[in-house]
């Protein structure tokens, strides 16, 4: 009994919270991540000039990406242009891959500006790390045999405010999602997963220029994620009743089970920034402040952690300082961002439950509480150099994630603390060719320090599982997917961009 309990506890040591909530603009939507999972760059669909420089953005303009982050910055669009930004990403160790073809247009004239983008995407799901052949039910498709299609649409409209150097813009981003990369890895031991849902992102932005080469921006956003996961498992159970003509030992038989999990998140965000020139030629300094409040009405019961959680909420801030230099043929920039986050999730009893001391927990009462405190940090730096029509870029992004978890189990009447931290390294690079009527750009990135969580069935674990079943321990919940594992993996992405002005 004791080894089984210890094994079950160990399988829950990595807790995951809303780590796959997609973000098209990471400086405005603060992401939560409690395990170093490699998810790839599914939402790398917007064009960018600075991506090859580590994505520096606080004190360095990105004329290609800025209108998609803050629609008010569309006021800096000159004329009209068509663009296409095909992108590809993959995760090592058969951790999944994706390819997308976004295309769009940006327009400006008569005090008004706007734009639109449409993208189709195909995602290949990750292979399961350990999936014994004898655990596969006949006719059930493995995750590695499936791919899914997503569609993304973006629209923006804005105007220059009369008699001012300010502009106002609104934008809407909608995604029809058949898959989010990495979700399949969180359902350990599953045979297949069918995802469906959508994401909606609404933004209102204000951008203004002041005298003395100073500028400010204000952005308010609301984002909603609504996903459904239909997960198929194959359980091995002993026949009940036992056939009367059975001779010899009784062997377990496969039984298919489909579990539906809901993933709901709502985000409200506020973003402020200010940039001004320094006395030294070409130098600029800027600062940002971002606040996000997230509610999580429903969080999936990921099998990999075996802790059901229902609602939750979180609050995150980031404070950033950036410096850049643009002079002659060289561009340099660096961003320093500090990110404190607080998150609470809990599980609610679906039916009356009893603690180890006999206390009755009513329906809707909390059975488990998880209190997370993050102190994350992000550094982005990069340099660009232009030689005639050729531009070269090189950069590095380093993200540090550090959190403390305090967990209260009201069933076991126990409390524990856990500290986790890791660093993700992302070198970036890029090259561009600029002609009189067309600009062609390539940018790449590679993220390491992440991995693929999964589970592994060992002979000892299998023996314990069968022994528990044979002893009739129906009241003891053993993690059905085995001990937790984490395989190192890296995620690489490549984006091409072609921009053509409309005469």
Foldseek 3Di string as FASTA:
>chain_A
DVVLVVQQQQLQPQDFDQQQPDDLDCVWDPGDGRAQADFFCPNPFFDWDCVQQQPFPFADDTLRCVCVVAVQSLQPDDAKWKKKKWKKKDKPPQQKIKIKIKIKMWHDDDQKIKMKIKMKMKIAHGFAPDADPVFDDPPQAASRVDMDMKMKMKIKIKGQDPPFQKIKMKMKIKMWDQDRRQLVLLAFQFRDKTKTWMKIKIKIKMKGADPQAKIKMKMKMKMKTKMKIWTKHWDWAFDPPDPPPDDDDTGTDIDIDIDMFIWIKMKIKIKMKMKHADPPPQKIKMKMKMKMKMKTQQDGCRLSNNFHWGIKIKIKMKIKMKMWGDDDFKIKMKMKMKMKMKMKIFHFDCAWDAAPVGDIAHGRGTQKMKIKIKTKIKMKIKMWGDDVQKIKIKIKIKIKIKMKIWMAGRRDRDIDIDIDIWMKIKIKIKMWGDDPFKIKIKIKIKIWGGWRKYADDDPVNVVVVVVCSVVVPPVDDRSPNTRMDTGTMMMMMMMMMMMGRDD
